[in-house]
């Protein structure tokens, strides 16, 4: 597939726009990011009580308090978060995603990745840039606020929960999202 000059300009503009739009985190450092992660964790516990069981079983959790996604044919998403082990921040990460297809609009959402095995967590932490793919299983909140996590899902190496969606793009997926360690 060749990318036309016009498509390249649109993709570049979308990427710059997402980079420039402060998604509520800005550059205020680790304290601000940790406060947002605390609020996200507390929101999950209160809104989706079933996540407490996942939290207890997970060896590590990556909280991404706010992802901002926008697209017009080409699009992308960006956000920052923190990896916690035993509810203590050990690293900070950015998440980026590029998309192409029939899309127009913008949305914001949060997500959490629950690492259920030491191997999955070690692979994530040792990579230069880990990309979410087919090995991520999704837990979906129902209308009552419960999280549908079956025994088989809880045994998967990584369980993702996408929540708090607001905006004009329908759905949110983490496939192809690249996570990179950062210093806030």
Protein backbone atom coordinates (compact mmCIF):
# COMPACT_ATOMS: atom_id res chain seq x y z
CA UNK A 1 0.00 0.00 0.00
CA UNK A 2 1.41 3.38 -0.96
CA UNK A 3 0.66 6.43 1.06
CA UNK A 4 -0.17 9.51 -0.99
CA UNK A 5 1.29 12.90 -0.13
CA UNK A 6 -2.15 14.04 1.02
CA UNK A 7 -2.56 10.96 3.23
CA UNK A 8 0.89 11.52 4.70
CA UNK A 9 0.06 15.14 5.53
CA UNK A 10 -3.26 14.15 7.14
CA UNK A 11 -1.57 11.41 9.18
CA UNK A 12 1.20 13.78 10.26
CA UNK A 13 -1.28 16.47 11.24
CA UNK A 14 -3.35 13.98 13.27
CA UNK A 15 -0.23 12.75 15.05
CA UNK A 16 0.96 16.26 15.86
CA UNK A 17 -2.52 17.22 17.01
CA UNK A 18 -2.67 14.29 19.41
CA UNK A 19 0.79 15.03 20.72
CA UNK A 20 -0.05 18.68 21.30
CA UNK A 21 -3.41 18.11 22.97
CA UNK A 22 -2.75 17.87 26.68
CA UNK A 23 -4.90 14.96 27.72
CA UNK A 24 -5.25 16.16 31.27
CA UNK A 25 -1.84 14.88 32.31
CA UNK A 26 0.47 17.42 30.72
CA UNK A 27 4.10 17.55 31.76
CA UNK A 28 3.58 18.02 35.48
CA UNK A 29 5.54 14.94 36.39
CA UNK A 30 5.25 11.80 38.37
CA UNK A 31 3.09 13.16 41.23
CA UNK A 32 0.33 14.29 38.87
CA UNK A 33 0.45 11.01 36.98
CA UNK A 34 0.35 8.97 40.20
CA UNK A 35 -2.65 10.98 41.40
CA UNK A 36 -4.49 10.19 38.15
CA UNK A 37 -3.57 6.51 38.46
CA UNK A 38 -4.87 6.48 42.06
CA UNK A 39 -8.15 8.01 40.89
CA UNK A 40 -8.42 5.46 38.08
CA UNK A 41 -7.77 2.55 40.45
CA UNK A 42 -10.35 3.87 42.92
CA UNK A 43 -12.87 4.39 40.10
CA UNK A 44 -12.44 0.77 38.99
CA UNK A 45 -12.92 -0.52 42.54
CA UNK A 46 -16.09 1.51 43.11
CA UNK A 47 -17.69 1.26 39.66
CA UNK A 48 -16.67 -2.32 38.82
CA UNK A 49 -16.39 -4.30 42.07
CA UNK A 50 -15.39 -7.44 40.14
CA UNK A 51 -12.06 -5.83 39.32
CA UNK A 52 -10.97 -6.24 42.95
CA UNK A 53 -10.63 -9.98 42.34
CA UNK A 54 -8.56 -9.29 39.21
CA UNK A 55 -6.41 -6.82 41.13
CA UNK A 56 -5.76 -9.37 43.85
CA UNK A 57 -4.71 -12.05 41.34
CA UNK A 58 -2.62 -9.80 39.04
CA UNK A 59 1.15 -9.66 39.52
CA UNK A 60 1.18 -6.16 38.01
CA UNK A 61 -1.30 -3.64 36.62
CA UNK A 62 -0.70 -0.94 34.02
CA UNK A 63 -3.19 1.88 34.51
CA UNK A 64 -3.75 4.29 31.61
CA UNK A 65 -6.00 6.99 33.12
CA UNK A 66 -6.78 8.81 29.89
CA UNK A 67 -6.29 7.91 26.25
CA UNK A 68 -7.22 10.52 23.66
CA UNK A 69 -8.07 9.18 20.20
CA UNK A 70 -8.92 11.13 17.06
CA UNK A 71 -9.25 10.20 13.43
CA UNK A 72 -10.36 11.26 10.01
CA UNK A 73 -9.40 8.35 7.78
CA UNK A 74 -6.02 8.27 9.48
CA UNK A 75 -5.95 8.58 13.22
CA UNK A 76 -4.16 7.86 16.41
CA UNK A 77 -4.35 7.69 20.16
CA UNK A 78 -2.03 8.73 22.96
CA UNK A 79 -1.94 8.54 26.74
CA UNK A 80 0.34 8.06 29.74
CA UNK A 81 0.10 5.82 32.75
CA UNK A 82 1.92 3.85 35.40
CA UNK A 83 2.78 0.22 36.04
CA UNK A 84 2.11 -0.85 39.58
CA UNK A 85 3.27 -3.95 41.38
CA UNK A 86 1.70 -4.51 44.81
CA UNK A 87 0.02 -1.11 44.29
CA UNK A 88 3.40 0.67 44.12
CA UNK A 89 4.45 2.51 40.95
CA UNK A 90 7.55 0.90 39.43
CA UNK A 91 7.58 2.48 35.93
CA UNK A 92 5.76 5.03 33.79
CA UNK A 93 4.59 4.32 30.23
CA UNK A 94 3.17 6.09 27.23
CA UNK A 95 0.73 4.37 24.88
CA UNK A 96 0.47 5.27 21.21
CA UNK A 97 -1.69 3.89 18.46
CA UNK A 98 -2.03 4.65 14.76
CA UNK A 99 -5.11 3.70 12.77
CA UNK A 100 -6.28 3.80 9.19
CA UNK A 101 -9.75 3.11 7.84
CA UNK A 102 -13.30 4.32 7.84
CA UNK A 103 -13.28 6.58 10.88
CA UNK A 104 -14.09 10.13 11.83
CA UNK A 105 -14.33 11.69 15.25
CA UNK A 106 -12.64 11.71 18.62
CA UNK A 107 -13.01 9.95 21.93
CA UNK A 108 -11.36 9.53 25.28
CA UNK A 109 -11.21 6.42 27.39
CA UNK A 110 -9.20 4.76 30.13
CA UNK A 111 -7.87 1.25 30.32
CA UNK A 112 -5.99 -1.10 32.57
CA UNK A 113 -3.84 -4.10 31.68
CA UNK A 114 -3.79 -6.82 34.33
CA UNK A 115 -0.67 -8.98 34.06
CA UNK A 116 -1.74 -12.36 35.40
CA UNK A 117 1.61 -14.18 35.14
CA UNK A 118 5.16 -13.28 36.10
CA UNK A 119 6.27 -14.27 32.58
CA UNK A 120 3.86 -11.82 30.90
CA UNK A 121 4.94 -9.03 33.25
CA UNK A 122 8.64 -9.76 32.69
CA UNK A 123 8.17 -9.78 28.91
CA UNK A 124 6.35 -6.44 29.08
CA UNK A 125 8.98 -4.79 31.29
CA UNK A 126 11.98 -6.07 29.33
CA UNK A 127 10.74 -5.01 25.90
CA UNK A 128 11.80 -1.76 24.23
CA UNK A 129 8.22 -1.22 23.07
CA UNK A 130 5.51 -3.77 23.82
CA UNK A 131 2.51 -3.89 21.46
CA UNK A 132 -0.88 -5.15 22.55
CA UNK A 133 -2.04 -7.89 20.22
CA UNK A 134 -3.83 -11.20 20.11
CA UNK A 135 -2.39 -12.28 23.47
CA UNK A 136 -4.53 -9.68 25.29
CA UNK A 137 -7.96 -10.89 26.45
CA UNK A 138 -10.70 -8.38 27.18
CA UNK A 139 -12.91 -8.23 30.26
CA UNK A 140 -16.12 -6.37 29.42
CA UNK A 141 -18.18 -4.49 32.04
CA UNK A 142 -21.90 -5.18 31.83
CA UNK A 143 -24.67 -2.65 32.42
CA UNK A 144 -24.78 -3.46 36.13
CA UNK A 145 -21.13 -2.57 36.57
CA UNK A 146 -19.92 -6.15 36.99
CA UNK A 147 -16.89 -7.26 35.04
CA UNK A 148 -17.33 -10.50 33.12
CA UNK A 149 -14.17 -12.36 34.04
CA UNK A 150 -14.39 -16.09 33.63
CA UNK A 151 -11.92 -18.57 35.11
CA UNK A 152 -10.32 -19.05 31.69
CA UNK A 153 -9.96 -15.29 31.20
CA UNK A 154 -8.32 -14.91 34.61
CA UNK A 155 -5.77 -17.55 33.55
CA UNK A 156 -4.79 -15.61 30.42
CA UNK A 157 -1.41 -13.84 30.64
CA UNK A 158 -2.84 -10.31 30.12
CA UNK A 159 -6.40 -9.14 30.71
CA UNK A 160 -7.46 -5.71 29.43
CA UNK A 161 -10.34 -3.61 30.67
CA UNK A 162 -11.38 -0.56 28.59
CA UNK A 163 -13.78 1.79 30.38
CA UNK A 164 -14.99 5.36 30.70
CA UNK A 165 -15.46 5.92 26.96
CA UNK A 166 -16.72 9.33 25.91
CA UNK A 167 -16.75 10.81 22.45
CA UNK A 168 -17.85 10.24 18.89
CA UNK A 169 -15.85 7.18 17.75
CA UNK A 170 -17.68 3.93 18.45
CA UNK A 171 -15.66 1.36 20.38
CA UNK A 172 -12.10 1.30 21.57
CA UNK A 173 -9.56 -1.40 21.00
CA UNK A 174 -6.02 -1.77 22.26
CA UNK A 175 -4.81 -3.94 19.36
CA UNK A 176 -1.73 -2.35 17.90
CA UNK A 177 -1.23 -0.02 20.85
CA UNK A 178 2.47 0.34 21.61
CA UNK A 179 3.59 0.87 25.20
CA UNK A 180 6.94 2.54 25.84
CA UNK A 181 8.66 3.25 29.16
CA UNK A 182 8.98 7.00 29.84
CA UNK A 183 10.31 9.38 32.45
CA UNK A 184 7.50 11.85 33.32
